[in-house]
Amino acid sequence: MTETTPTGKVTIETHGRREALALTGTICALYEAVFSLPPFDGTAAEFANQRSYYPRLVDRPGFRLTTARSGPEFVGFGYGYLLPADTRWWSTLAEPVGEEFAAETGTRTFAVIDYGVLPDRRGAGAGHRIHDELLSGSGAERATLSVQPKAVRTREIYRRWGWRKVSHRLMDPPIPAPVFEVLVLEEMPGAR
């Protein structure tokens, strides 16, 4: 889907496994460009970690990659996968959630792993369109993601889009922050 924004035409595309693997270098470069800046201030270890895990995520059930392009230039991305029935996602939270809330079926929850838009392309709607396309096509009932508490603007955007905090998770290096807030979106885009 292509739409004209104040910064020009932006094309939103969701990619299959083969395309997602072929785009590994592009996605890793976008990740570094987005997360090297404040408030994230990513490190070389973090970027190496992302380059390592991204190709493995592509093989997870329900994996989706959605990108935004302006002409030939990629300006944003989002990817994640469906949580499997035996996930540990909810069991590692600092503030436990209920058993019913944590129950997974393999299709109940889509986990957004990484998501970002280049700074000069923010504010024109590409990020929201990536978000909605990524989630609406996942087939899941709800979504989850983790966000650094110091990313105040990012957290405000997620709240405006309907996400709510359910807990937080303590992290080990090379993860970029010692704590991440865990958010849930219970009304998926397209379900309204």
Protein backbone atom coordinates (compact mmCIF):
# COMPACT_ATOMS: atom_id res chain seq x y z
CA MET A 1 0.00 0.00 0.00
CA THR A 2 1.38 3.42 -0.99
CA GLU A 3 0.22 6.70 0.50
CA THR A 4 1.41 10.28 0.10
CA THR A 5 2.49 11.86 3.39
CA PRO A 6 3.85 15.36 4.09
CA THR A 7 7.34 13.93 3.47
CA GLY A 8 6.44 12.19 0.20
CA LYS A 9 5.09 8.81 -0.88
CA VAL A 10 5.55 5.99 1.61
CA THR A 11 4.99 2.34 0.74
CA ILE A 12 4.15 -0.11 3.54
CA GLU A 13 4.95 -3.75 2.78
CA THR A 14 4.83 -7.01 4.72
CA HIS A 15 7.48 -9.53 3.74
CA GLY A 16 7.56 -13.30 3.73
CA ARG A 17 10.37 -15.39 5.18
CA ARG A 18 12.60 -15.32 2.10
CA GLU A 19 12.28 -11.54 1.67
CA ALA A 20 12.80 -10.99 5.42
CA LEU A 21 16.07 -12.93 5.26
CA ALA A 22 17.18 -11.07 2.13
CA LEU A 23 16.53 -7.80 3.97
CA THR A 24 18.64 -8.75 7.01
CA GLY A 25 21.36 -6.19 6.29
CA THR A 26 18.84 -3.43 5.62
CA ILE A 27 16.82 -4.17 8.78
CA CYS A 28 19.94 -4.36 10.95
CA ALA A 29 21.20 -1.04 9.54
CA LEU A 30 17.81 0.59 10.24
CA TYR A 31 17.82 -0.83 13.76
CA GLU A 32 21.26 0.66 14.39
CA ALA A 33 20.27 4.03 12.88
CA VAL A 34 17.17 4.25 15.10
CA PHE A 35 18.57 2.84 18.34
CA SER A 36 21.98 4.52 18.27
CA LEU A 37 20.29 7.86 19.04
CA PRO A 38 18.95 9.22 22.34
CA PRO A 39 17.16 8.16 24.38
CA PHE A 40 18.29 4.65 23.42
CA ASP A 41 22.03 5.26 22.88
CA GLY A 42 22.62 1.69 21.70
CA THR A 43 26.02 0.07 21.92
CA ALA A 44 28.08 -2.04 19.55
CA ALA A 45 27.25 -5.11 21.70
CA GLU A 46 23.52 -4.42 21.36
CA PHE A 47 23.78 -4.04 17.59
CA ALA A 48 25.81 -7.26 17.31
CA ASN A 49 23.17 -9.03 19.40
CA GLN A 50 20.37 -7.81 17.12
CA ARG A 51 22.31 -8.90 14.00
CA SER A 52 22.65 -12.32 15.63
CA TYR A 53 19.04 -12.92 16.68
CA TYR A 54 17.16 -11.35 13.74
CA PRO A 55 17.82 -14.18 11.22
CA ARG A 56 16.76 -16.78 13.84
CA LEU A 57 13.47 -14.98 14.51
CA VAL A 58 12.46 -15.28 10.86
CA ASP A 59 11.88 -19.02 11.36
CA ARG A 60 9.54 -18.60 14.33
CA PRO A 61 5.86 -19.42 13.74
CA GLY A 62 3.85 -16.36 12.79
CA PHE A 63 6.94 -14.20 12.08
CA ARG A 64 6.10 -10.96 10.27
CA LEU A 65 8.27 -8.13 8.97
CA THR A 66 6.62 -4.90 7.87
CA THR A 67 8.62 -2.06 6.33
CA ALA A 68 8.10 1.49 5.14
CA ARG A 69 9.86 2.77 2.03
CA SER A 70 10.11 6.20 0.52
CA GLY A 71 11.05 5.44 -3.06
CA PRO A 72 13.88 2.92 -2.84
CA GLU A 73 14.91 4.01 0.69
CA PHE A 74 13.71 2.00 3.68
CA VAL A 75 12.65 4.42 6.43
CA GLY A 76 11.01 2.19 9.03
CA PHE A 77 10.41 -1.39 10.12
CA GLY A 78 8.64 -3.59 12.63
CA TYR A 79 8.86 -7.32 13.23
CA GLY A 80 7.77 -9.99 15.64
CA TYR A 81 6.14 -13.39 15.94
CA LEU A 82 3.29 -15.28 17.60
CA LEU A 83 4.08 -16.43 21.13
CA PRO A 84 4.09 -20.24 21.29
CA ALA A 85 1.93 -22.11 23.80
CA ASP A 86 5.04 -22.96 25.86
CA THR A 87 6.41 -19.39 25.91
CA ARG A 88 8.28 -18.03 28.91
CA TRP A 89 7.36 -14.43 27.95
CA TRP A 90 4.98 -13.96 30.89
CA SER A 91 6.88 -16.09 33.45
CA THR A 92 9.92 -13.78 33.56
CA LEU A 93 8.04 -10.65 34.63
CA ALA A 94 8.96 -8.81 37.83
CA GLU A 95 5.26 -8.30 38.64
CA PRO A 96 3.46 -11.58 37.85
CA VAL A 97 0.30 -11.61 35.76
CA GLY A 98 -2.55 -14.04 36.31
CA GLU A 99 -2.57 -17.57 34.93
CA GLU A 100 -5.48 -16.86 32.60
CA PHE A 101 -3.79 -13.70 31.28
CA ALA A 102 -0.55 -15.63 30.64
CA ALA A 103 -2.17 -18.61 28.90
CA GLU A 104 -0.98 -18.87 25.30
CA THR A 105 -2.29 -20.97 22.42
CA GLY A 106 0.28 -20.25 19.74
CA THR A 107 -2.03 -17.72 18.09
CA ARG A 108 -3.30 -15.61 21.00
CA THR A 109 -0.50 -13.04 21.27
CA PHE A 110 1.79 -11.38 18.73
CA ALA A 111 5.07 -10.16 20.26
CA VAL A 112 6.54 -7.07 18.62
CA ILE A 113 10.29 -7.57 19.02
CA ASP A 114 11.73 -4.49 17.29
CA TYR A 115 10.12 -1.48 15.71
CA GLY A 116 11.44 1.89 14.58
CA VAL A 117 11.30 4.77 12.12
CA LEU A 118 14.22 6.96 11.04
CA PRO A 119 14.17 10.29 12.92
CA ASP A 120 13.68 12.47 9.84
CA ARG A 121 10.61 10.39 8.86
CA ARG A 122 8.79 10.50 12.20
CA GLY A 123 5.55 12.38 12.69
CA ALA A 124 4.14 11.74 9.20
CA GLY A 125 2.22 8.56 10.02
CA ALA A 126 4.57 5.90 8.63
CA GLY A 127 5.20 4.45 12.09
CA HIS A 128 1.50 4.11 12.85
CA ARG A 129 0.92 2.48 9.47
CA ILE A 130 3.75 -0.02 10.06
CA HIS A 131 2.27 -0.77 13.50
CA ASP A 132 -1.25 -1.31 12.19
CA GLU A 133 -0.20 -3.43 9.19
CA LEU A 134 2.14 -5.58 11.30
CA LEU A 135 -0.51 -6.30 13.92
CA SER A 136 -3.69 -6.47 11.84
CA GLY A 137 -2.28 -9.21 9.64
CA SER A 138 -0.89 -11.29 12.53
CA GLY A 139 -4.12 -13.18 13.21
CA ALA A 140 -3.58 -12.69 16.96
CA GLU A 141 -6.16 -11.55 19.53
CA ARG A 142 -3.70 -9.21 21.24
CA ALA A 143 -0.11 -7.99 21.10
CA THR A 144 2.74 -7.39 23.50
CA LEU A 145 6.02 -5.51 23.41
CA SER A 146 8.73 -4.25 25.74
CA VAL A 147 9.90 -0.64 25.91
CA GLN A 148 12.65 1.13 27.82
CA PRO A 149 11.26 3.41 30.57
CA LYS A 150 13.61 6.20 29.42
CA ALA A 151 11.88 6.23 26.00
CA VAL A 152 9.24 8.66 27.25
CA ARG A 153 7.99 9.83 23.82
CA THR A 154 7.77 6.24 22.56
CA ARG A 155 5.77 5.17 25.62
CA GLU A 156 3.39 8.14 25.13
CA ILE A 157 2.81 7.13 21.51
CA TYR A 158 2.05 3.55 22.51
CA ARG A 159 -0.42 4.76 25.16
CA ARG A 160 -2.21 6.91 22.54
CA TRP A 161 -2.47 3.82 20.33
CA GLY A 162 -4.14 1.82 23.13
CA TRP A 163 -1.23 -0.04 24.72
CA ARG A 164 -1.12 -0.43 28.51
CA LYS A 165 1.62 -1.47 30.91
CA VAL A 166 1.13 -4.87 32.59
CA SER A 167 4.53 -5.33 34.26
CA HIS A 168 8.26 -4.88 33.81
CA ARG A 169 11.18 -7.19 33.11
CA LEU A 170 14.73 -7.06 34.44
CA MET A 171 17.28 -7.67 31.67
CA ASP A 172 20.85 -8.90 31.34
CA PRO A 173 23.49 -7.50 28.94
CA PRO A 174 23.82 -7.09 26.00
CA ILE A 175 20.19 -6.02 26.19
CA PRO A 176 20.27 -2.21 26.02
CA ALA A 177 18.59 -1.40 29.35
CA PRO A 178 18.40 -3.04 32.78
CA VAL A 179 14.59 -2.73 32.85
CA PHE A 180 11.90 -2.87 30.18
CA GLU A 181 8.21 -2.11 30.65
CA VAL A 182 5.97 -4.83 29.22
CA LEU A 183 2.92 -3.49 27.39
CA VAL A 184 -0.18 -5.16 25.96
CA LEU A 185 -2.58 -4.08 23.23
CA GLU A 186 -5.91 -5.84 23.61
CA GLU A 187 -7.80 -4.19 20.75
CA MET A 188 -5.92 -5.04 17.60
CA PRO A 189 -5.93 -2.67 14.59
CA GLY A 190 -8.65 -3.59 12.15
CA ALA A 191 -10.80 -5.07 14.93
CA ARG A 192 -12.44 -1.70 15.64
